[in-house]
């Protein structure tokens, strides 16, 4: 791995099931993540993904690429455009820094309306990588 290397993109279909399951798994029972009618009453066109689901998908993106010996040390993300059902989020990453066995990777998750998530992931590769 070298600074400037790009990770292969990962396309994630954004389904109602993914949004609701992610909210339940993270114990986020806010109605905007599972009740479309209430989400519309609150000004959203539909339910939308919560940050904890997004955080998990960013982590999965990195560890799927780097393997089981990768240890996430820091995940710093910021949400932008919501992930609504029926869209696809495409995660991309670029290596921005290397320090021994530790790498920093800039991650962007884009959907049909813009950047859903941007941020950096600091990851250490174990001896087996």
N, C-alpha and C. Protein backbone atom coordinates (compact mmCIF):
# COMPACT_ATOMS: atom_id res chain seq x y z
N UNK A 1 0.85 -1.17 0.00
CA UNK A 1 0.00 0.00 0.00
C UNK A 1 0.89 1.24 0.00
N UNK A 2 0.49 2.22 -0.83
CA UNK A 2 1.24 3.46 -0.96
C UNK A 2 0.30 4.65 -0.85
N UNK A 3 0.82 5.79 -0.42
CA UNK A 3 0.03 7.02 -0.39
C UNK A 3 -0.45 7.29 -1.81
N UNK A 4 -1.72 7.61 -1.93
CA UNK A 4 -2.32 7.87 -3.24
C UNK A 4 -3.05 6.67 -3.83
N UNK A 5 -2.80 5.47 -3.29
CA UNK A 5 -3.50 4.29 -3.79
C UNK A 5 -5.00 4.42 -3.54
N UNK A 6 -5.77 3.99 -4.53
CA UNK A 6 -7.23 4.00 -4.40
C UNK A 6 -7.73 2.60 -4.09
N UNK A 7 -8.65 2.51 -3.17
CA UNK A 7 -9.33 1.24 -2.90
C UNK A 7 -10.40 1.05 -3.96
N UNK A 8 -10.72 -0.20 -4.30
CA UNK A 8 -11.79 -0.41 -5.26
C UNK A 8 -13.12 0.06 -4.67
N UNK A 9 -14.00 0.60 -5.50
CA UNK A 9 -15.29 1.07 -4.98
C UNK A 9 -16.17 -0.10 -4.52
N UNK A 10 -17.06 0.21 -3.59
CA UNK A 10 -18.04 -0.76 -3.10
C UNK A 10 -19.41 -0.13 -3.23
N UNK A 11 -20.27 -0.77 -4.02
CA UNK A 11 -21.64 -0.29 -4.19
C UNK A 11 -22.55 -1.00 -3.20
N UNK A 12 -23.30 -0.21 -2.44
CA UNK A 12 -24.23 -0.75 -1.44
C UNK A 12 -25.64 -0.29 -1.78
N UNK A 13 -26.51 -1.23 -2.18
CA UNK A 13 -27.90 -0.84 -2.41
C UNK A 13 -28.54 -0.41 -1.09
N UNK A 14 -29.17 0.74 -1.10
CA UNK A 14 -29.82 1.27 0.10
C UNK A 14 -31.28 0.80 0.06
N UNK A 15 -31.58 -0.19 0.87
CA UNK A 15 -32.93 -0.74 0.91
C UNK A 15 -33.61 -0.34 2.22
N UNK A 16 -34.92 -0.46 2.25
CA UNK A 16 -35.66 -0.22 3.49
C UNK A 16 -35.18 -1.19 4.57
N UNK A 17 -34.95 -2.42 4.16
CA UNK A 17 -34.50 -3.43 5.13
C UNK A 17 -33.16 -3.03 5.74
N UNK A 18 -32.22 -2.58 4.93
CA UNK A 18 -30.92 -2.16 5.44
C UNK A 18 -31.07 -0.99 6.41
N UNK A 19 -31.88 -0.01 6.05
CA UNK A 19 -32.07 1.16 6.90
C UNK A 19 -32.69 0.77 8.24
N UNK A 20 -33.77 0.01 8.20
CA UNK A 20 -34.47 -0.38 9.43
C UNK A 20 -33.62 -1.33 10.26
N UNK A 21 -33.01 -2.33 9.62
CA UNK A 21 -32.18 -3.29 10.36
C UNK A 21 -31.00 -2.59 11.02
N UNK A 22 -30.37 -1.64 10.33
CA UNK A 22 -29.26 -0.90 10.92
C UNK A 22 -29.69 -0.08 12.12
N UNK A 23 -30.87 0.54 12.02
CA UNK A 23 -31.38 1.33 13.14
C UNK A 23 -31.67 0.42 14.33
N UNK A 24 -32.32 -0.72 14.08
CA UNK A 24 -32.63 -1.64 15.17
C UNK A 24 -31.36 -2.20 15.79
N UNK A 25 -30.42 -2.62 14.96
CA UNK A 25 -29.17 -3.20 15.47
C UNK A 25 -28.39 -2.22 16.33
N UNK A 26 -28.50 -0.93 16.01
CA UNK A 26 -27.77 0.09 16.78
C UNK A 26 -28.65 0.71 17.87
N UNK A 27 -29.82 0.13 18.05
CA UNK A 27 -30.77 0.56 19.09
C UNK A 27 -31.18 2.03 18.93
N UNK A 28 -31.29 2.45 17.68
CA UNK A 28 -31.71 3.80 17.34
C UNK A 28 -33.17 3.71 16.90
N UNK A 29 -34.07 4.00 17.80
CA UNK A 29 -35.49 3.84 17.53
C UNK A 29 -36.16 5.13 17.08
N UNK A 30 -35.38 6.10 16.62
CA UNK A 30 -35.97 7.33 16.09
C UNK A 30 -36.89 6.97 14.93
N UNK A 31 -38.08 7.51 14.94
CA UNK A 31 -39.09 7.14 13.95
C UNK A 31 -38.69 7.45 12.51
N UNK A 32 -37.83 8.42 12.28
CA UNK A 32 -37.43 8.77 10.92
C UNK A 32 -36.60 7.67 10.25
N UNK A 33 -36.20 6.66 11.01
CA UNK A 33 -35.42 5.55 10.46
C UNK A 33 -36.26 4.31 10.19
N UNK A 34 -37.56 4.37 10.51
CA UNK A 34 -38.40 3.19 10.24
C UNK A 34 -39.84 3.50 9.87
N UNK A 35 -40.31 4.72 10.06
CA UNK A 35 -41.70 5.07 9.82
C UNK A 35 -41.77 6.15 8.73
N UNK A 36 -42.09 5.73 7.50
CA UNK A 36 -42.08 6.65 6.36
C UNK A 36 -43.07 7.79 6.53
N UNK A 37 -44.24 7.51 7.06
CA UNK A 37 -45.26 8.55 7.23
C UNK A 37 -44.77 9.63 8.20
N UNK A 38 -44.21 9.20 9.31
CA UNK A 38 -43.70 10.17 10.28
C UNK A 38 -42.49 10.93 9.72
N UNK A 39 -41.64 10.24 8.98
CA UNK A 39 -40.50 10.91 8.36
C UNK A 39 -40.98 12.03 7.43
N UNK A 40 -42.03 11.74 6.64
CA UNK A 40 -42.60 12.77 5.75
C UNK A 40 -43.20 13.92 6.55
N UNK A 41 -43.88 13.61 7.64
CA UNK A 41 -44.46 14.66 8.49
C UNK A 41 -43.37 15.58 9.03
N UNK A 42 -42.16 15.02 9.21
CA UNK A 42 -41.04 15.81 9.75
C UNK A 42 -40.21 16.46 8.65
N UNK A 43 -40.67 16.37 7.38
CA UNK A 43 -40.01 17.07 6.29
C UNK A 43 -39.09 16.25 5.42
N UNK A 44 -38.97 14.97 5.67
CA UNK A 44 -38.12 14.10 4.85
C UNK A 44 -38.99 13.37 3.82
N UNK A 45 -38.49 13.14 2.63
CA UNK A 45 -39.31 12.43 1.64
C UNK A 45 -39.53 10.94 1.99
N UNK A 46 -38.72 10.40 2.89
CA UNK A 46 -38.82 8.98 3.24
C UNK A 46 -37.96 8.73 4.47
N UNK A 47 -37.93 7.48 4.94
CA UNK A 47 -37.01 7.13 6.01
C UNK A 47 -35.59 7.29 5.48
N UNK A 48 -34.62 7.40 6.39
CA UNK A 48 -33.23 7.54 5.96
C UNK A 48 -32.30 6.84 6.93
N UNK A 49 -31.12 6.51 6.44
CA UNK A 49 -30.12 5.75 7.19
C UNK A 49 -29.56 6.57 8.35
N UNK A 50 -29.31 5.90 9.48
CA UNK A 50 -28.71 6.60 10.62
C UNK A 50 -27.17 6.55 10.54
N UNK A 51 -26.52 7.39 11.32
CA UNK A 51 -25.07 7.51 11.27
C UNK A 51 -24.37 6.23 11.74
N UNK A 52 -24.99 5.51 12.67
CA UNK A 52 -24.34 4.29 13.17
C UNK A 52 -24.28 3.22 12.10
N UNK A 53 -25.30 3.12 11.26
CA UNK A 53 -25.27 2.18 10.14
C UNK A 53 -24.19 2.61 9.15
N UNK A 54 -24.16 3.89 8.84
CA UNK A 54 -23.14 4.40 7.94
C UNK A 54 -21.74 4.11 8.48
N UNK A 55 -21.53 4.34 9.76
CA UNK A 55 -20.24 4.09 10.39
C UNK A 55 -19.84 2.61 10.22
N UNK A 56 -20.80 1.72 10.44
CA UNK A 56 -20.53 0.30 10.27
C UNK A 56 -20.19 -0.06 8.83
N UNK A 57 -20.87 0.55 7.88
CA UNK A 57 -20.59 0.27 6.47
C UNK A 57 -19.21 0.80 6.06
N UNK A 58 -18.81 1.94 6.60
CA UNK A 58 -17.47 2.47 6.33
C UNK A 58 -16.42 1.51 6.88
N UNK A 59 -16.63 1.04 8.11
CA UNK A 59 -15.70 0.06 8.69
C UNK A 59 -15.63 -1.21 7.88
N UNK A 60 -16.78 -1.70 7.45
CA UNK A 60 -16.83 -2.91 6.62
C UNK A 60 -16.05 -2.70 5.32
N UNK A 61 -16.21 -1.54 4.71
CA UNK A 61 -15.51 -1.23 3.46
C UNK A 61 -14.00 -1.37 3.64
N UNK A 62 -13.49 -0.82 4.71
CA UNK A 62 -12.04 -0.87 4.96
C UNK A 62 -11.59 -2.29 5.28
N UNK A 63 -12.27 -2.96 6.19
CA UNK A 63 -11.82 -4.30 6.60
C UNK A 63 -12.04 -5.33 5.51
N UNK A 64 -13.08 -5.19 4.70
CA UNK A 64 -13.26 -6.12 3.57
C UNK A 64 -12.08 -6.00 2.61
N UNK A 65 -11.58 -4.79 2.42
CA UNK A 65 -10.47 -4.60 1.49
C UNK A 65 -9.13 -5.04 2.10
N UNK A 66 -8.91 -4.69 3.37
CA UNK A 66 -7.60 -4.95 3.97
C UNK A 66 -7.49 -6.31 4.66
N UNK A 67 -8.59 -6.96 4.91
CA UNK A 67 -8.55 -8.31 5.46
C UNK A 67 -8.78 -8.39 6.95
N UNK A 68 -8.82 -9.62 7.46
CA UNK A 68 -9.20 -9.86 8.86
C UNK A 68 -8.18 -9.37 9.89
N UNK A 69 -6.95 -9.09 9.46
CA UNK A 69 -5.95 -8.59 10.41
C UNK A 69 -5.97 -7.07 10.55
N UNK A 70 -6.84 -6.41 9.80
CA UNK A 70 -6.94 -4.95 9.89
C UNK A 70 -7.69 -4.58 11.16
N UNK A 71 -7.13 -3.62 11.90
CA UNK A 71 -7.75 -3.14 13.13
C UNK A 71 -8.07 -1.66 12.96
N UNK A 72 -9.36 -1.33 13.05
CA UNK A 72 -9.76 0.07 12.95
C UNK A 72 -9.35 0.79 14.23
N UNK A 73 -8.55 1.83 14.10
CA UNK A 73 -8.09 2.60 15.25
C UNK A 73 -8.91 3.86 15.46
N UNK A 74 -9.37 4.45 14.36
CA UNK A 74 -10.16 5.68 14.46
C UNK A 74 -11.02 5.79 13.20
N UNK A 75 -12.28 6.11 13.40
CA UNK A 75 -13.19 6.38 12.29
C UNK A 75 -13.79 7.76 12.56
N UNK A 76 -13.50 8.70 11.70
CA UNK A 76 -14.00 10.07 11.85
C UNK A 76 -14.79 10.42 10.60
N UNK A 77 -16.12 10.42 10.73
CA UNK A 77 -16.97 10.67 9.56
C UNK A 77 -17.93 11.83 9.81
N UNK A 78 -18.40 12.37 8.70
CA UNK A 78 -19.41 13.43 8.72
C UNK A 78 -20.47 13.08 7.68
N UNK A 79 -21.73 13.21 8.09
CA UNK A 79 -22.82 12.92 7.17
C UNK A 79 -23.16 14.15 6.33
N UNK A 80 -23.64 13.87 5.12
CA UNK A 80 -24.10 14.93 4.22
C UNK A 80 -25.48 14.57 3.71
N UNK A 81 -25.60 14.26 2.43
CA UNK A 81 -26.87 13.92 1.80
C UNK A 81 -27.41 12.62 2.39
N UNK A 82 -28.69 12.59 2.74
CA UNK A 82 -29.26 11.37 3.33
C UNK A 82 -29.23 10.18 2.37
N UNK A 83 -29.17 8.98 2.93
CA UNK A 83 -29.34 7.74 2.17
C UNK A 83 -30.79 7.32 2.29
N UNK A 84 -31.51 7.42 1.17
CA UNK A 84 -32.92 7.03 1.13
C UNK A 84 -33.07 5.67 0.45
N UNK A 85 -34.14 4.95 0.75
CA UNK A 85 -34.39 3.67 0.09
C UNK A 85 -34.46 3.83 -1.44
N UNK A 86 -33.92 2.84 -2.13
CA UNK A 86 -33.96 2.84 -3.58
C UNK A 86 -32.73 3.44 -4.23
N UNK A 87 -31.86 4.05 -3.45
CA UNK A 87 -30.63 4.63 -3.98
C UNK A 87 -29.50 3.62 -3.80
N UNK A 88 -28.33 3.95 -4.27
CA UNK A 88 -27.13 3.15 -4.07
C UNK A 88 -26.05 4.08 -3.53
N UNK A 89 -25.36 3.63 -2.48
CA UNK A 89 -24.23 4.38 -1.97
C UNK A 89 -22.96 3.70 -2.47
N UNK A 90 -22.09 4.46 -3.10
CA UNK A 90 -20.81 3.93 -3.57
C UNK A 90 -19.70 4.48 -2.69
N UNK A 91 -19.03 3.57 -1.99
CA UNK A 91 -17.91 3.96 -1.13
C UNK A 91 -16.62 3.88 -1.93
N UNK A 92 -15.79 4.91 -1.78
CA UNK A 92 -14.46 4.94 -2.38
C UNK A 92 -13.46 5.35 -1.30
N UNK A 93 -12.21 4.99 -1.49
CA UNK A 93 -11.19 5.33 -0.52
C UNK A 93 -9.86 5.59 -1.17
N UNK A 94 -9.08 6.46 -0.54
CA UNK A 94 -7.74 6.79 -1.01
C UNK A 94 -6.81 6.82 0.19
N UNK A 95 -5.67 6.15 0.07
CA UNK A 95 -4.66 6.17 1.13
C UNK A 95 -4.04 7.56 1.16
N UNK A 96 -4.11 8.22 2.34
CA UNK A 96 -3.59 9.58 2.46
C UNK A 96 -2.33 9.66 3.31
N UNK A 97 -2.06 8.65 4.12
CA UNK A 97 -0.87 8.68 4.96
C UNK A 97 -0.50 7.27 5.39
N UNK A 98 0.81 7.05 5.56
CA UNK A 98 1.35 5.79 6.05
C UNK A 98 2.37 6.07 7.13
N UNK A 99 2.32 5.27 8.19
CA UNK A 99 3.30 5.39 9.26
C UNK A 99 3.52 3.98 9.82
N UNK A 100 4.53 3.31 9.32
CA UNK A 100 4.78 1.93 9.73
C UNK A 100 3.63 1.04 9.29
N UNK A 101 2.99 0.36 10.24
CA UNK A 101 1.87 -0.53 9.91
C UNK A 101 0.51 0.17 10.02
N UNK A 102 0.53 1.51 10.17
CA UNK A 102 -0.70 2.28 10.30
C UNK A 102 -0.93 3.11 9.04
N UNK A 103 -2.17 3.07 8.56
CA UNK A 103 -2.56 3.82 7.36
C UNK A 103 -3.74 4.72 7.68
N UNK A 104 -3.79 5.85 7.00
CA UNK A 104 -4.98 6.69 7.04
C UNK A 104 -5.60 6.66 5.66
N UNK A 105 -6.91 6.43 5.62
CA UNK A 105 -7.62 6.32 4.36
C UNK A 105 -8.77 7.32 4.35
N UNK A 106 -8.81 8.14 3.33
CA UNK A 106 -9.92 9.09 3.13
C UNK A 106 -11.05 8.32 2.46
N UNK A 107 -12.24 8.40 3.03
CA UNK A 107 -13.39 7.65 2.53
C UNK A 107 -14.50 8.63 2.14
N UNK A 108 -15.12 8.34 1.00
CA UNK A 108 -16.29 9.09 0.54
C UNK A 108 -17.36 8.08 0.16
N UNK A 109 -18.58 8.32 0.63
CA UNK A 109 -19.73 7.52 0.22
C UNK A 109 -20.72 8.43 -0.49
N UNK A 110 -20.88 8.20 -1.78
CA UNK A 110 -21.76 9.06 -2.58
C UNK A 110 -23.02 8.30 -2.99
N UNK A 111 -24.13 9.05 -3.07
CA UNK A 111 -25.38 8.48 -3.56
C UNK A 111 -25.89 9.39 -4.69
N UNK A 112 -27.14 9.19 -5.09
CA UNK A 112 -27.68 9.93 -6.22
C UNK A 112 -27.87 11.41 -5.99
N UNK A 113 -27.83 11.86 -4.74
CA UNK A 113 -28.02 13.29 -4.47
C UNK A 113 -26.78 13.98 -3.92
N UNK A 114 -25.68 13.24 -3.75
CA UNK A 114 -24.45 13.87 -3.30
C UNK A 114 -23.62 12.96 -2.42
N UNK A 115 -22.77 13.58 -1.63
CA UNK A 115 -21.92 12.83 -0.70
C UNK A 115 -22.72 12.54 0.57
N UNK A 116 -22.95 11.27 0.83
CA UNK A 116 -23.64 10.87 2.05
C UNK A 116 -22.69 10.93 3.24
N UNK A 117 -21.46 10.47 3.04
CA UNK A 117 -20.48 10.43 4.13
C UNK A 117 -19.10 10.79 3.58
N UNK A 118 -18.36 11.54 4.39
CA UNK A 118 -16.95 11.83 4.11
C UNK A 118 -16.19 11.66 5.41
N UNK A 119 -14.94 11.29 5.31
CA UNK A 119 -14.15 11.18 6.52
C UNK A 119 -12.87 10.41 6.32
N UNK A 120 -12.25 10.06 7.45
CA UNK A 120 -11.01 9.32 7.42
C UNK A 120 -11.10 8.12 8.38
N UNK A 121 -10.37 7.09 8.00
CA UNK A 121 -10.25 5.90 8.82
C UNK A 121 -8.78 5.64 9.05
N UNK A 122 -8.39 5.49 10.30
CA UNK A 122 -7.03 5.11 10.64
C UNK A 122 -7.05 3.62 10.97
N UNK A 123 -6.21 2.87 10.31
CA UNK A 123 -6.23 1.41 10.44
C UNK A 123 -4.81 0.88 10.59
N UNK A 124 -4.66 -0.12 11.43
CA UNK A 124 -3.39 -0.80 11.62
C UNK A 124 -3.50 -2.20 11.05
N UNK A 125 -2.48 -2.60 10.32
CA UNK A 125 -2.46 -3.95 9.75
C UNK A 125 -1.66 -4.85 10.67
N UNK A 126 -2.26 -5.98 11.03
CA UNK A 126 -1.58 -6.93 11.90
C UNK A 126 -0.45 -7.65 11.22
N UNK A 127 0.24 -8.46 11.97
CA UNK A 127 1.42 -9.19 11.47
C UNK A 127 1.09 -10.10 10.30
N UNK A 128 -0.16 -10.60 10.23
CA UNK A 128 -0.55 -11.53 9.19
C UNK A 128 -0.90 -10.88 7.88
N UNK A 129 -0.93 -9.54 7.82
CA UNK A 129 -1.35 -8.86 6.58
C UNK A 129 -0.22 -8.68 5.61
